[in-house]
Amino acid sequence: MDWVMLKEYLPFLIPLVIAQFTLSITALIHVLRHPNYRFGNKVMWVLVVMFIQFIGPALYFALGRGEE
């Protein structure tokens, strides 16, 4: 990939990367602070959130997050 081509995509990529980091950090903090999950355990959700980009944090908030 050429640098000139990459520069064309930067206005799209920068907000996407910021959203990814924000979502991942928010999900990770929630996993570490809350002991209740609908299914699975803390270790499983940390791995899902950290290693499955975008989909992992979304899965946690949609399926894994337990009652407060």
N, C-alpha and C. Protein backbone atom coordinates (compact mmCIF):
# COMPACT_ATOMS: atom_id res chain seq x y z
N MET A 1 0.85 -1.18 0.00
CA MET A 1 0.00 0.00 0.00
C MET A 1 0.89 1.23 0.00
N ASP A 2 0.60 2.14 -0.85
CA ASP A 2 1.37 3.36 -1.02
C ASP A 2 0.95 4.39 0.03
N TRP A 3 1.90 5.23 0.46
CA TRP A 3 1.61 6.25 1.48
C TRP A 3 0.55 7.23 0.98
N VAL A 4 0.60 7.58 -0.30
CA VAL A 4 -0.39 8.50 -0.86
C VAL A 4 -1.79 7.90 -0.77
N MET A 5 -1.89 6.62 -1.03
CA MET A 5 -3.19 5.96 -0.95
C MET A 5 -3.67 5.91 0.51
N LEU A 6 -2.74 5.68 1.42
CA LEU A 6 -3.09 5.63 2.84
C LEU A 6 -3.58 6.99 3.32
N LYS A 7 -2.96 8.07 2.85
CA LYS A 7 -3.36 9.41 3.26
C LYS A 7 -4.81 9.71 2.86
N GLU A 8 -5.28 9.12 1.77
CA GLU A 8 -6.65 9.34 1.35
C GLU A 8 -7.65 8.74 2.34
N TYR A 9 -7.25 7.66 3.01
CA TYR A 9 -8.15 6.96 3.93
C TYR A 9 -8.03 7.44 5.37
N LEU A 10 -7.06 8.29 5.68
CA LEU A 10 -6.86 8.73 7.06
C LEU A 10 -8.09 9.39 7.68
N PRO A 11 -8.83 10.25 6.97
CA PRO A 11 -10.02 10.83 7.60
C PRO A 11 -11.05 9.78 8.02
N PHE A 12 -11.05 8.63 7.40
CA PHE A 12 -11.95 7.53 7.78
C PHE A 12 -11.30 6.65 8.85
N LEU A 13 -10.01 6.39 8.73
CA LEU A 13 -9.33 5.46 9.62
C LEU A 13 -9.11 6.00 11.03
N ILE A 14 -8.79 7.27 11.16
CA ILE A 14 -8.50 7.84 12.48
C ILE A 14 -9.72 7.74 13.42
N PRO A 15 -10.91 8.19 13.01
CA PRO A 15 -12.07 8.01 13.91
C PRO A 15 -12.39 6.55 14.19
N LEU A 16 -12.15 5.68 13.20
CA LEU A 16 -12.40 4.26 13.39
C LEU A 16 -11.48 3.67 14.45
N VAL A 17 -10.20 4.04 14.40
CA VAL A 17 -9.23 3.56 15.38
C VAL A 17 -9.55 4.12 16.76
N ILE A 18 -9.92 5.38 16.84
CA ILE A 18 -10.29 5.98 18.14
C ILE A 18 -11.52 5.28 18.71
N ALA A 19 -12.51 5.00 17.88
CA ALA A 19 -13.72 4.30 18.34
C ALA A 19 -13.37 2.90 18.83
N GLN A 20 -12.47 2.19 18.13
CA GLN A 20 -12.07 0.85 18.52
C GLN A 20 -11.41 0.87 19.89
N PHE A 21 -10.45 1.77 20.09
CA PHE A 21 -9.77 1.84 21.38
C PHE A 21 -10.72 2.22 22.50
N THR A 22 -11.60 3.17 22.24
CA THR A 22 -12.56 3.60 23.26
C THR A 22 -13.49 2.46 23.65
N LEU A 23 -14.02 1.76 22.67
CA LEU A 23 -14.92 0.64 22.94
C LEU A 23 -14.20 -0.48 23.68
N SER A 24 -12.98 -0.80 23.27
CA SER A 24 -12.22 -1.87 23.92
C SER A 24 -11.88 -1.52 25.37
N ILE A 25 -11.41 -0.31 25.60
CA ILE A 25 -11.04 0.10 26.96
C ILE A 25 -12.28 0.14 27.86
N THR A 26 -13.39 0.67 27.35
CA THR A 26 -14.63 0.71 28.13
C THR A 26 -15.10 -0.69 28.50
N ALA A 27 -15.09 -1.59 27.52
CA ALA A 27 -15.51 -2.97 27.79
C ALA A 27 -14.55 -3.65 28.77
N LEU A 28 -13.25 -3.44 28.60
CA LEU A 28 -12.27 -4.07 29.49
C LEU A 28 -12.44 -3.58 30.92
N ILE A 29 -12.63 -2.30 31.10
CA ILE A 29 -12.85 -1.75 32.46
C ILE A 29 -14.11 -2.36 33.06
N HIS A 30 -15.17 -2.47 32.27
CA HIS A 30 -16.42 -3.04 32.78
C HIS A 30 -16.23 -4.50 33.17
N VAL A 31 -15.53 -5.26 32.34
CA VAL A 31 -15.27 -6.68 32.64
C VAL A 31 -14.50 -6.81 33.95
N LEU A 32 -13.50 -5.99 34.14
CA LEU A 32 -12.65 -6.09 35.33
C LEU A 32 -13.34 -5.64 36.61
N ARG A 33 -14.29 -4.71 36.49
CA ARG A 33 -14.96 -4.17 37.68
C ARG A 33 -16.20 -4.94 38.11
N HIS A 34 -16.83 -5.67 37.21
CA HIS A 34 -18.10 -6.32 37.53
C HIS A 34 -17.93 -7.84 37.58
N PRO A 35 -18.39 -8.46 38.66
CA PRO A 35 -18.20 -9.91 38.81
C PRO A 35 -19.30 -10.75 38.17
N ASN A 36 -20.40 -10.17 37.75
CA ASN A 36 -21.52 -10.96 37.24
C ASN A 36 -21.59 -10.91 35.72
N TYR A 37 -21.71 -12.08 35.11
CA TYR A 37 -21.81 -12.21 33.66
C TYR A 37 -22.97 -13.14 33.35
N ARG A 38 -23.61 -12.96 32.21
CA ARG A 38 -24.70 -13.86 31.82
C ARG A 38 -24.17 -15.26 31.60
N PHE A 39 -23.02 -15.37 30.95
CA PHE A 39 -22.34 -16.66 30.80
C PHE A 39 -20.85 -16.39 30.67
N GLY A 40 -20.06 -17.39 30.94
CA GLY A 40 -18.61 -17.25 30.88
C GLY A 40 -18.05 -16.69 32.17
N ASN A 41 -16.77 -16.40 32.15
CA ASN A 41 -16.11 -15.86 33.32
C ASN A 41 -15.24 -14.67 32.93
N LYS A 42 -14.59 -14.07 33.91
CA LYS A 42 -13.81 -12.87 33.69
C LYS A 42 -12.68 -13.09 32.69
N VAL A 43 -11.96 -14.20 32.81
CA VAL A 43 -10.83 -14.48 31.91
C VAL A 43 -11.31 -14.60 30.46
N MET A 44 -12.40 -15.32 30.26
CA MET A 44 -12.94 -15.49 28.91
C MET A 44 -13.31 -14.14 28.30
N TRP A 45 -13.99 -13.28 29.06
CA TRP A 45 -14.42 -12.00 28.52
C TRP A 45 -13.26 -11.05 28.28
N VAL A 46 -12.24 -11.10 29.12
CA VAL A 46 -11.05 -10.27 28.87
C VAL A 46 -10.41 -10.68 27.55
N LEU A 47 -10.28 -11.98 27.31
CA LEU A 47 -9.69 -12.45 26.06
C LEU A 47 -10.55 -12.08 24.85
N VAL A 48 -11.86 -12.22 24.97
CA VAL A 48 -12.76 -11.86 23.86
C VAL A 48 -12.65 -10.37 23.56
N VAL A 49 -12.69 -9.54 24.59
CA VAL A 49 -12.64 -8.09 24.40
C VAL A 49 -11.30 -7.65 23.80
N MET A 50 -10.22 -8.25 24.25
CA MET A 50 -8.90 -7.81 23.80
C MET A 50 -8.50 -8.34 22.42
N PHE A 51 -8.93 -9.53 22.06
CA PHE A 51 -8.40 -10.15 20.85
C PHE A 51 -9.38 -10.21 19.68
N ILE A 52 -10.64 -9.91 19.89
CA ILE A 52 -11.59 -9.89 18.79
C ILE A 52 -12.02 -8.44 18.61
N GLN A 53 -11.35 -7.73 17.74
CA GLN A 53 -11.55 -6.30 17.56
C GLN A 53 -12.97 -5.98 17.13
N PHE A 54 -13.52 -4.91 17.65
CA PHE A 54 -14.88 -4.41 17.43
C PHE A 54 -15.95 -5.41 17.84
N ILE A 55 -15.88 -6.62 17.34
CA ILE A 55 -16.91 -7.61 17.62
C ILE A 55 -16.84 -8.06 19.08
N GLY A 56 -15.65 -8.22 19.63
CA GLY A 56 -15.50 -8.67 21.01
C GLY A 56 -16.17 -7.76 22.02
N PRO A 57 -15.84 -6.46 22.03
CA PRO A 57 -16.52 -5.57 22.97
C PRO A 57 -18.03 -5.49 22.73
N ALA A 58 -18.44 -5.51 21.48
CA ALA A 58 -19.87 -5.47 21.18
C ALA A 58 -20.56 -6.73 21.69
N LEU A 59 -19.91 -7.89 21.53
CA LEU A 59 -20.46 -9.14 22.06
C LEU A 59 -20.59 -9.08 23.57
N TYR A 60 -19.58 -8.53 24.23
CA TYR A 60 -19.63 -8.44 25.69
C TYR A 60 -20.83 -7.59 26.13
N PHE A 61 -20.99 -6.41 25.54
CA PHE A 61 -22.08 -5.54 25.96
C PHE A 61 -23.44 -6.10 25.58
N ALA A 62 -23.52 -6.85 24.48
CA ALA A 62 -24.79 -7.41 24.05
C ALA A 62 -25.13 -8.71 24.76
N LEU A 63 -24.16 -9.58 24.97
CA LEU A 63 -24.44 -10.91 25.48
C LEU A 63 -23.85 -11.22 26.87
N GLY A 64 -22.72 -10.68 27.18
CA GLY A 64 -22.02 -11.10 28.39
C GLY A 64 -22.28 -10.29 29.63
N ARG A 65 -22.63 -9.06 29.46
CA ARG A 65 -22.79 -8.17 30.60
C ARG A 65 -23.95 -8.64 31.47
N GLY A 66 -23.67 -8.87 32.73
CA GLY A 66 -24.69 -9.35 33.66
C GLY A 66 -25.41 -8.22 34.35
N GLU A 67 -26.26 -8.59 35.26
CA GLU A 67 -27.01 -7.61 36.03
C GLU A 67 -26.07 -6.85 36.95
N GLU A 68 -26.37 -5.59 37.14
CA GLU A 68 -25.55 -4.74 38.01
C GLU A 68 -25.78 -5.08 39.45
